[in-house]
Amino acid sequence: MIEAPLTWGQRDVWRAIVAAEPQEQYLNLARLFPVSPVPLERAHRALDRLTTRHEALRTRLTGARSAPVQALAESAGPQVEIVEGERPHRVSERLLATPFDYWNEWPLRVAFLVADGLVRQVVLAFCRLAVDEPAADLVVRDLRALLARGDLPPHQADRPRDLAAWQASADGRGHSDEVVGWWLEEYARIDPFQLTAEPMRPRHMEATMSSPALAAAARTVAARRRVASSTALLTCAVSLVGRLTGQRTCGMRVTVGNRAGRRELVSPIAQEGLVVLDLGTPDFGELLARGSQAAARAHRRAEYDPCALDDALAGFGPGVRTFGRFDDQRRARRDQAPELDARQIRQAMDKTDLAWTDAMDRNICAFRLRVAGEPDRMEVSLHADTGLLSPLAIEAYLLDLERLLVEESLV
C-alpha cells in the first residue's frame, strides 16, 4: 500500500462529505449504459483491467478523519452485483442509496445486468473521492472499450498521486498562494449583505424547474450576444441575487473542471472559481459582457488549496460572502442554433414544470444552482438553506430566472 496526500479536489469533496453526514450519499455519482452482449467472465476480466488502469478506483482513505490521506492499493475488488430482471434505474438508485465506507470500501460499486446468461447493461456507482463528472465519463469510455476489445493501450495520464505531489511542492504551494491572493482581492469588492429567513425542517430544500422556454431563450440570447448560454444563465443568476440581497457588486462561485492538460486523469479535480459582477448597469448586453469576462477570469484561477483559501477568507467575517454556487453540468456545452421564434418561446412557457426534488438536514452549500437537461428542455435545480431562502423564495427565484431570460430573448 502506498500513501499520498489528498489532492485539492479530494479535500473539497471530503469537506462536503463531512458537512453532509450522515446524508452524504447525495454526493455519490452513477453511470448506466447498455453494452453489446458479453459473457460474465469477460465482464469481470474487463473490470479487473479497469481498476488496474485507474489508480483512483483502487484508492481508499487512511489516517485520522480530521486529516485523511490516500491509501493506494495494487489491486481492487469492488462490489459487484449480478442482476436479472430489474430495471437499470432501480439498480442505480439502490447502489447510490448508501454512503461509501471510505476507509474499507473500494470507491466503485458495479452491477452487471444479464439476460440469457450475457451482460447487456452496466451500472456504475462512484464515490466522489474517486471521480468528478468528466472522470466518470472517462471510466465509462474505458470500460466500454475493454468489454468490446479486451485491452487498451497503456495509460499515459498523470495519476492522482502525481497531482498531489505537485500540489504539495514549492511550485504547487506558490501557485495556490497566488490564486488565494487573487480571491482576496475579488472578495474585497463584494458588498456585505444580510439575508435571513426562518429555517425549516429539513433545513435544506431543492426545487427543480424543467423548462423548454428557458432552453430556447438561453440559446437565443447566447447567439444574439455572442456569448455561451452558460454565461447568459450565470449572469442572470447573479443579477437575481443582487435583487435579493440589495448588493451592487455580487459574488457567486462557479464549478471549474480544471482539465486543461489533464483530460485523461481519473480523479476529482474540479474546484470552484469566483465570479464577481458589478450590477450597476441597466444594459443587459453590457452586463453579459462583464459576466463573460468575469467567468473567464474565474476559470483561470480555480486551482488552489481549499484549506488555505478558507483560512484566508475567514478574516472577512460572516457579513461578507458569496451567495452560492453555479454548476452547469450539461455535457454538450457548445450551443446549437436557436430553433424557436418569439411566439414559440412564449408558448413554451406553458410547458414549464416545477417540482420539489430533495430535502436534507445538513449541507456545506447554502445556495446551489445546478443546470442540466437536453438542448430542447433545460432543467435547473436550486438547492438552498431555508434560513437563507424560504421555499416560496426558492420557487420564485427559478421562475424569475426563466422570465428574465425569456424577456431578454424577445427584445
Protein backbone atom coordinates (compact mmCIF):
# COMPACT_ATOMS: atom_id res chain seq x y z
CA MET A 1 0.00 0.00 0.00
CA ILE A 2 1.22 3.50 -0.90
CA GLU A 3 0.08 6.58 0.99
CA ALA A 4 -0.24 10.03 -0.54
CA PRO A 5 -1.86 13.32 0.46
CA LEU A 6 -5.35 14.12 -0.75
CA THR A 7 -5.42 16.31 -3.82
CA TRP A 8 -7.03 19.72 -3.53
CA GLY A 9 -10.09 18.42 -5.33
CA GLN A 10 -10.37 15.50 -2.93
CA ARG A 11 -10.09 17.87 0.04
CA ASP A 12 -13.06 19.80 -1.32
CA VAL A 13 -15.05 16.57 -1.64
CA TRP A 14 -14.09 15.41 1.85
CA ARG A 15 -15.26 18.70 3.38
CA ALA A 16 -18.60 18.31 1.59
CA ILE A 17 -18.91 14.73 2.86
CA VAL A 18 -18.23 15.75 6.46
CA ALA A 19 -20.68 18.66 6.22
CA ALA A 20 -23.50 16.45 4.92
CA GLU A 21 -23.00 13.37 7.14
CA PRO A 22 -24.95 11.16 7.60
CA GLN A 23 -26.79 12.12 4.38
CA GLU A 24 -23.74 12.40 2.16
CA GLN A 25 -24.94 9.72 -0.23
CA TYR A 26 -26.34 12.57 -2.36
CA LEU A 27 -22.73 13.13 -3.48
CA ASN A 28 -22.48 9.64 -5.00
CA LEU A 29 -22.39 9.56 -8.78
CA ALA A 30 -23.82 6.95 -11.17
CA ARG A 31 -23.49 5.92 -14.79
CA LEU A 32 -25.64 3.30 -16.53
CA PHE A 33 -25.27 2.19 -20.12
CA PRO A 34 -26.05 -0.72 -22.49
CA VAL A 35 -23.27 -2.86 -23.94
CA SER A 36 -23.01 -5.44 -26.70
CA PRO A 37 -23.80 -8.78 -25.01
CA VAL A 38 -20.70 -10.35 -23.42
CA PRO A 39 -20.20 -13.34 -21.08
CA LEU A 40 -19.89 -12.65 -17.37
CA GLU A 41 -16.32 -13.93 -17.30
CA ARG A 42 -15.32 -11.34 -19.90
CA ALA A 43 -17.10 -8.59 -17.96
CA HIS A 44 -15.25 -9.47 -14.75
CA ARG A 45 -11.95 -9.52 -16.61
CA ALA A 46 -12.66 -6.08 -18.11
CA LEU A 47 -13.44 -4.72 -14.65
CA ASP A 48 -10.15 -6.05 -13.27
CA ARG A 49 -8.25 -4.33 -16.07
CA LEU A 50 -10.20 -1.13 -15.49
CA THR A 51 -9.25 -0.91 -11.80
CA THR A 52 -5.64 -1.73 -12.65
CA ARG A 53 -5.62 1.06 -15.22
CA HIS A 54 -7.04 3.80 -12.99
CA GLU A 55 -5.39 4.35 -9.62
CA ALA A 56 -8.38 6.27 -8.27
CA LEU A 57 -10.56 3.13 -8.43
CA ARG A 58 -8.25 1.24 -6.06
CA THR A 59 -7.79 4.03 -3.54
CA ARG A 60 -9.32 4.28 -0.08
CA LEU A 61 -8.71 6.58 2.86
CA THR A 62 -6.42 6.01 5.79
CA GLY A 63 -5.37 8.09 8.78
CA ALA A 64 -7.44 10.31 11.04
CA ARG A 65 -10.86 11.54 9.94
CA SER A 66 -9.70 15.09 10.62
CA ALA A 67 -6.80 14.73 8.16
CA PRO A 68 -7.20 11.62 5.96
CA VAL A 69 -4.76 10.62 3.24
CA GLN A 70 -4.99 8.37 0.20
CA ALA A 71 -4.18 4.67 0.55
CA LEU A 72 -3.30 3.27 -2.89
CA ALA A 73 -3.52 -0.49 -3.43
CA GLU A 74 -2.03 -2.57 -6.26
CA SER A 75 -5.38 -4.21 -6.99
CA ALA A 76 -9.03 -3.80 -6.04
CA GLY A 77 -12.12 -5.94 -5.84
CA PRO A 78 -15.11 -3.59 -5.93
CA GLN A 79 -18.60 -4.73 -5.00
CA VAL A 80 -20.23 -6.47 -8.00
CA GLU A 81 -23.88 -7.49 -8.31
CA ILE A 82 -25.22 -9.81 -10.98
CA VAL A 83 -28.77 -8.65 -11.66
CA GLU A 84 -31.51 -10.17 -13.76
CA GLY A 85 -34.98 -8.77 -14.33
CA GLU A 86 -34.52 -5.42 -12.53
CA ARG A 87 -34.74 -2.04 -14.23
CA PRO A 88 -31.36 -0.29 -14.60
CA HIS A 89 -32.57 2.91 -12.92
CA ARG A 90 -33.79 0.97 -9.90
CA VAL A 91 -30.42 -0.76 -9.67
CA SER A 92 -28.68 2.62 -9.91
CA GLU A 93 -30.85 4.09 -7.15
CA ARG A 94 -30.07 1.12 -4.91
CA LEU A 95 -26.31 1.35 -5.45
CA LEU A 96 -26.38 5.10 -4.76
CA ALA A 97 -28.62 4.90 -1.71
CA THR A 98 -25.96 4.50 0.99
CA PRO A 99 -22.73 6.38 1.71
CA PHE A 100 -19.46 4.66 0.92
CA ASP A 101 -17.30 3.29 3.72
CA TYR A 102 -14.33 5.47 2.81
CA TRP A 103 -11.78 3.51 4.86
CA ASN A 104 -12.85 -0.02 3.97
CA GLU A 105 -14.84 0.04 0.72
CA TRP A 106 -13.49 0.49 -2.79
CA PRO A 107 -14.85 3.70 -4.36
CA LEU A 108 -16.77 1.85 -7.08
CA ARG A 109 -19.91 -0.31 -6.98
CA VAL A 110 -20.81 -2.32 -10.07
CA ALA A 111 -23.88 -4.14 -11.33
CA PHE A 112 -23.87 -6.34 -14.43
CA LEU A 113 -27.41 -6.67 -15.76
CA VAL A 114 -27.77 -10.01 -17.51
CA ALA A 115 -30.28 -11.73 -19.75
CA ASP A 116 -29.88 -15.20 -21.24
CA GLY A 117 -26.58 -15.51 -19.39
CA LEU A 118 -24.97 -12.46 -21.05
CA VAL A 119 -24.19 -9.00 -19.69
CA ARG A 120 -26.27 -6.47 -21.60
CA GLN A 121 -26.19 -3.37 -19.38
CA VAL A 122 -23.80 -2.00 -16.75
CA VAL A 123 -24.45 0.24 -13.76
CA LEU A 124 -21.57 2.00 -12.02
CA ALA A 125 -21.87 3.91 -8.74
CA PHE A 126 -18.86 6.05 -7.78
CA CYS A 127 -17.63 7.66 -4.60
CA ARG A 128 -16.90 11.32 -5.34
CA LEU A 129 -13.46 10.98 -3.75
CA ALA A 130 -12.53 8.97 -6.86
CA VAL A 131 -14.16 10.88 -9.72
CA ASP A 132 -15.86 14.04 -10.82
CA GLU A 133 -18.33 14.11 -13.72
CA PRO A 134 -15.73 14.12 -16.56
CA ALA A 135 -13.67 11.43 -14.81
CA ALA A 136 -16.75 9.19 -14.51
CA ASP A 137 -17.25 9.56 -18.26
CA LEU A 138 -13.62 8.52 -18.84
CA VAL A 139 -14.17 5.37 -16.78
CA VAL A 140 -17.27 4.51 -18.79
CA ARG A 141 -15.40 5.04 -22.05
CA ASP A 142 -12.58 2.73 -20.98
CA LEU A 143 -14.88 0.03 -19.63
CA ARG A 144 -16.86 0.01 -22.88
CA ALA A 145 -13.63 -0.41 -24.83
CA LEU A 146 -12.38 -3.19 -22.52
CA LEU A 147 -15.68 -5.05 -22.86
CA ALA A 148 -15.57 -4.72 -26.63
CA ARG A 149 -11.87 -5.29 -27.35
CA GLY A 150 -10.43 -6.80 -24.17
CA ASP A 151 -7.46 -4.44 -23.94
CA LEU A 152 -6.39 -0.81 -24.24
CA PRO A 153 -3.11 0.99 -24.99
CA PRO A 154 -1.04 1.91 -21.91
CA HIS A 155 -2.45 4.78 -19.88
CA GLN A 156 -0.17 7.81 -20.16
CA ALA A 157 -2.04 10.33 -17.99
CA ASP A 158 -0.85 11.63 -14.65
CA ARG A 159 -2.02 9.72 -11.59
CA PRO A 160 -3.77 11.31 -8.61
CA ARG A 161 -0.63 10.80 -6.51
CA ASP A 162 1.39 12.74 -9.13
CA LEU A 163 -1.05 15.62 -8.91
CA ALA A 164 -0.96 15.54 -5.10
CA ALA A 165 2.85 15.58 -5.17
CA TRP A 166 2.90 18.69 -7.39
CA GLN A 167 0.33 20.43 -5.20
CA ALA A 168 2.46 19.74 -2.12
CA SER A 169 5.63 21.03 -3.82
CA ALA A 170 7.00 24.55 -3.59
CA ASP A 171 5.73 25.22 -7.11
CA GLY A 172 2.23 24.00 -6.23
CA ARG A 173 2.09 25.96 -2.98
CA GLY A 174 3.25 29.08 -4.79
CA HIS A 175 0.52 28.64 -7.39
CA SER A 176 -2.08 28.26 -4.65
CA ASP A 177 -0.81 31.34 -2.80
CA GLU A 178 -1.11 33.41 -5.97
CA VAL A 179 -4.68 32.24 -6.61
CA VAL A 180 -5.70 32.80 -2.97
CA GLY A 181 -4.33 36.34 -3.20
CA TRP A 182 -6.49 37.00 -6.27
CA TRP A 183 -9.55 35.65 -4.43
CA LEU A 184 -8.88 38.03 -1.53
CA GLU A 185 -8.78 40.99 -3.91
CA GLU A 186 -12.02 39.95 -5.59
CA TYR A 187 -13.72 39.10 -2.30
CA ALA A 188 -12.98 42.59 -1.01
CA ARG A 189 -15.07 44.00 -3.87
CA ILE A 190 -18.23 42.15 -2.79
CA ASP A 191 -20.77 44.26 -0.90
CA PRO A 192 -21.69 42.92 2.55
CA PHE A 193 -25.24 41.66 2.93
CA GLN A 194 -27.54 40.08 5.46
CA LEU A 195 -30.41 37.88 4.32
CA THR A 196 -32.26 35.59 6.67
CA ALA A 197 -35.48 33.61 6.66
CA GLU A 198 -36.92 31.39 9.36
CA PRO A 199 -35.22 27.97 8.96
CA MET A 200 -37.43 24.95 8.41
CA ARG A 201 -37.01 21.23 8.92
CA PRO A 202 -35.46 19.76 6.96
CA ARG A 203 -33.12 22.72 6.79
CA HIS A 204 -32.11 22.36 3.11
CA MET A 205 -34.59 22.00 0.26
CA GLU A 206 -34.28 21.68 -3.51
CA ALA A 207 -36.73 22.51 -6.28
CA THR A 208 -36.19 21.67 -9.94
CA MET A 209 -37.64 23.57 -12.88
CA SER A 210 -37.95 21.83 -16.23
CA SER A 211 -38.34 24.44 -18.95
CA PRO A 212 -38.23 24.26 -22.76
CA ALA A 213 -38.73 28.03 -22.82
CA LEU A 214 -35.57 28.63 -20.77
CA ALA A 215 -33.57 26.34 -23.06
CA ALA A 216 -34.74 28.20 -26.15
CA ALA A 217 -34.31 31.64 -24.59
CA ALA A 218 -30.78 30.89 -23.38
CA ARG A 219 -29.73 29.74 -26.86
CA THR A 220 -31.36 32.79 -28.47
CA VAL A 221 -29.66 35.25 -26.12
CA ALA A 222 -26.33 33.46 -26.49
CA ALA A 223 -26.46 33.65 -30.28
CA ARG A 224 -27.54 37.29 -30.32
CA ARG A 225 -24.96 38.46 -27.78
CA ARG A 226 -22.20 36.12 -28.92
CA VAL A 227 -21.65 34.52 -25.55
CA ALA A 228 -22.14 30.97 -24.28
CA SER A 229 -25.59 30.05 -22.96
CA SER A 230 -23.85 29.12 -19.70
CA THR A 231 -22.62 32.71 -19.42
CA ALA A 232 -26.12 34.03 -20.09
CA LEU A 233 -27.55 31.80 -17.35
CA LEU A 234 -24.78 32.71 -14.89
CA THR A 235 -25.20 36.44 -15.49
CA CYS A 236 -28.96 36.19 -14.95
CA ALA A 237 -28.39 34.13 -11.81
CA VAL A 238 -26.04 36.74 -10.31
CA SER A 239 -28.32 39.65 -11.25
CA LEU A 240 -31.25 37.96 -9.48
CA VAL A 241 -29.06 37.50 -6.41
CA GLY A 242 -28.44 41.25 -6.44
CA ARG A 243 -32.16 41.85 -6.34
CA LEU A 244 -32.49 39.57 -3.32
CA THR A 245 -29.56 40.98 -1.36
CA GLY A 246 -29.51 44.60 -2.45
CA GLN A 247 -25.86 44.27 -3.48
CA ARG A 248 -24.47 46.25 -6.38
CA THR A 249 -21.37 44.03 -6.56
CA CYS A 250 -22.20 40.35 -6.16
CA GLY A 251 -20.12 37.20 -5.98
CA MET A 252 -21.03 33.67 -6.97
CA ARG A 253 -18.87 30.58 -7.11
CA VAL A 254 -18.80 28.50 -10.29
CA THR A 255 -17.66 24.93 -10.86
CA VAL A 256 -14.48 24.79 -12.96
CA GLY A 257 -13.29 21.50 -14.45
CA ASN A 258 -9.51 22.25 -14.25
CA ARG A 259 -8.94 19.72 -17.05
CA ALA A 260 -6.64 21.71 -19.30
CA GLY A 261 -3.67 19.37 -19.78
CA ARG A 262 -5.33 16.67 -17.64
CA ARG A 263 -8.16 15.41 -19.82
CA GLU A 264 -7.33 11.74 -19.16
CA LEU A 265 -6.89 11.98 -15.40
CA VAL A 266 -9.42 9.98 -13.38
CA SER A 267 -9.71 11.97 -10.16
CA PRO A 268 -11.95 14.72 -8.78
CA ILE A 269 -10.06 17.82 -9.92
CA ALA A 270 -12.95 20.26 -10.38
CA GLN A 271 -12.93 23.17 -7.93
CA GLU A 272 -14.76 26.44 -7.50
CA GLY A 273 -13.93 29.65 -9.29
CA LEU A 274 -15.15 33.08 -8.15
CA VAL A 275 -17.25 35.35 -10.35
CA VAL A 276 -17.64 38.90 -9.05
CA LEU A 277 -20.01 41.08 -11.06
CA ASP A 278 -20.79 44.79 -10.81
CA LEU A 279 -24.52 45.04 -11.50
CA GLY A 280 -24.50 48.83 -11.83
CA THR A 281 -25.73 49.00 -15.42
CA PRO A 282 -29.25 48.90 -16.84
CA ASP A 283 -27.97 47.49 -20.14
CA PHE A 284 -28.21 43.70 -20.18
CA GLY A 285 -25.80 43.41 -23.09
CA GLU A 286 -23.14 45.22 -21.09
CA LEU A 287 -23.89 43.02 -18.10
CA LEU A 288 -23.44 39.91 -20.26
CA ALA A 289 -20.07 41.20 -21.47
CA ARG A 290 -18.99 41.75 -17.87
CA GLY A 291 -20.25 38.29 -16.95
CA SER A 292 -18.27 36.70 -19.77
CA GLN A 293 -15.07 38.44 -18.69
CA ALA A 294 -15.62 37.56 -15.03
CA ALA A 295 -16.27 33.90 -15.89
CA ALA A 296 -13.06 33.74 -17.94
CA ARG A 297 -11.06 35.14 -15.02
CA ALA A 298 -12.69 32.66 -12.65
CA HIS A 299 -11.75 29.71 -14.84
CA ARG A 300 -8.09 30.77 -14.82
CA ARG A 301 -7.97 30.93 -11.01
CA ALA A 302 -9.77 27.84 -9.75
CA GLU A 303 -6.92 25.58 -8.65
CA TYR A 304 -5.82 26.12 -5.05
CA ASP A 305 -5.54 24.59 -1.60
CA PRO A 306 -9.13 24.87 -0.26
CA CYS A 307 -7.96 24.88 3.36
CA ALA A 308 -5.62 27.82 2.68
CA LEU A 309 -8.44 29.66 0.93
CA ASP A 310 -10.84 29.11 3.82
CA ASP A 311 -8.26 30.39 6.29
CA ALA A 312 -7.66 33.49 4.17
CA LEU A 313 -11.36 34.30 3.68
CA ALA A 314 -12.21 33.77 7.35
CA GLY A 315 -10.91 37.25 8.10
CA PHE A 316 -13.81 38.84 6.24
CA GLY A 317 -16.35 37.57 8.78
CA PRO A 318 -19.85 36.26 8.14
CA GLY A 319 -21.25 39.53 6.76
CA VAL A 320 -19.23 39.41 3.55
CA ARG A 321 -19.60 36.28 1.47
CA THR A 322 -20.58 34.92 -1.90
CA PHE A 323 -24.19 33.98 -2.28
CA GLY A 324 -23.74 30.46 -3.54
CA ARG A 325 -22.64 28.23 -6.36
CA PHE A 326 -23.47 27.91 -10.06
CA ASP A 327 -22.85 24.50 -11.60
CA ASP A 328 -23.55 23.89 -15.30
CA GLN A 329 -23.49 20.12 -15.68
CA ARG A 330 -24.60 19.92 -19.29
CA ARG A 331 -22.27 17.67 -21.23
CA ALA A 332 -22.70 19.43 -24.59
CA ARG A 333 -21.51 22.94 -23.84
CA ARG A 334 -21.39 24.08 -27.50
CA ASP A 335 -24.70 25.81 -28.15
CA GLN A 336 -26.92 24.81 -31.02
CA ALA A 337 -28.56 27.44 -33.19
CA PRO A 338 -31.89 28.78 -31.90
CA GLU A 339 -34.88 26.89 -33.27
CA LEU A 340 -37.89 28.73 -31.79
CA ASP A 341 -39.16 32.22 -32.61
CA ALA A 342 -40.55 34.69 -30.09
CA ARG A 343 -44.12 33.38 -30.32
CA GLN A 344 -42.98 29.79 -29.80
CA ILE A 345 -40.81 30.74 -26.80
CA ARG A 346 -43.79 32.43 -25.15
CA GLN A 347 -45.94 29.37 -25.81
CA ALA A 348 -43.24 27.09 -24.42
CA MET A 349 -43.56 28.78 -21.01
CA ASP A 350 -46.86 26.92 -20.60
CA LYS A 351 -44.85 23.68 -20.51
CA THR A 352 -42.69 24.69 -17.55
CA ASP A 353 -42.80 22.23 -14.65
CA LEU A 354 -41.63 22.87 -11.09
CA ALA A 355 -41.21 20.11 -8.52
CA TRP A 356 -39.57 19.61 -5.13
CA THR A 357 -36.78 17.10 -5.65
CA ASP A 358 -34.72 16.82 -2.46
CA ALA A 359 -34.60 17.72 1.22
CA MET A 360 -31.92 17.18 3.85
CA ASP A 361 -30.89 18.49 7.24
CA ARG A 362 -27.25 19.34 6.57
CA ASN A 363 -25.16 20.56 3.65
CA ILE A 364 -21.98 22.54 3.10
CA CYS A 365 -23.64 24.72 0.46
CA ALA A 366 -26.34 27.25 1.37
CA PHE A 367 -27.28 28.04 -2.25
CA ARG A 368 -26.53 25.87 -5.28
CA LEU A 369 -27.93 26.39 -8.77
CA ARG A 370 -27.42 23.35 -11.00
CA VAL A 371 -28.09 23.39 -14.74
CA ALA A 372 -28.70 20.14 -16.61
CA GLY A 373 -31.05 18.72 -19.25
CA GLU A 374 -31.11 18.46 -23.02
CA PRO A 375 -30.87 21.21 -25.66
CA ASP A 376 -34.67 21.39 -26.04
CA ARG A 377 -35.57 21.27 -22.31
CA MET A 378 -33.40 22.74 -19.59
CA GLU A 379 -33.52 21.53 -16.01
CA VAL A 380 -32.44 23.99 -13.33
CA SER A 381 -32.31 22.90 -9.70
CA LEU A 382 -31.97 25.29 -6.80
CA HIS A 383 -30.80 23.79 -3.52
CA ALA A 384 -30.99 26.33 -0.71
CA ASP A 385 -30.79 26.66 3.04
CA THR A 386 -34.28 27.64 4.19
CA GLY A 387 -32.57 30.01 6.61
CA LEU A 388 -31.41 31.88 3.51
CA LEU A 389 -34.39 31.44 1.18
CA SER A 390 -37.86 30.27 2.11
CA PRO A 391 -39.50 27.57 -0.06
CA LEU A 392 -41.63 30.25 -1.73
CA ALA A 393 -38.49 32.29 -2.46
CA ILE A 394 -36.80 29.21 -3.96
CA GLU A 395 -39.70 28.73 -6.37
CA ALA A 396 -39.83 32.44 -7.18
CA TYR A 397 -36.10 32.56 -7.95
CA LEU A 398 -36.37 29.74 -10.50
CA LEU A 399 -39.40 31.26 -12.23
CA ASP A 400 -37.74 34.70 -12.26
CA LEU A 401 -34.67 33.17 -13.92
CA GLU A 402 -36.87 31.81 -16.69
CA ARG A 403 -38.81 35.05 -17.04
CA LEU A 404 -35.68 37.23 -17.16
CA LEU A 405 -34.04 35.23 -19.94
CA VAL A 406 -37.27 34.84 -21.90
CA GLU A 407 -37.85 38.61 -21.77
CA GLU A 408 -34.32 39.25 -22.97
CA SER A 409 -34.74 36.76 -25.83
CA LEU A 410 -37.84 38.64 -27.03
CA VAL A 411 -36.17 42.06 -27.20
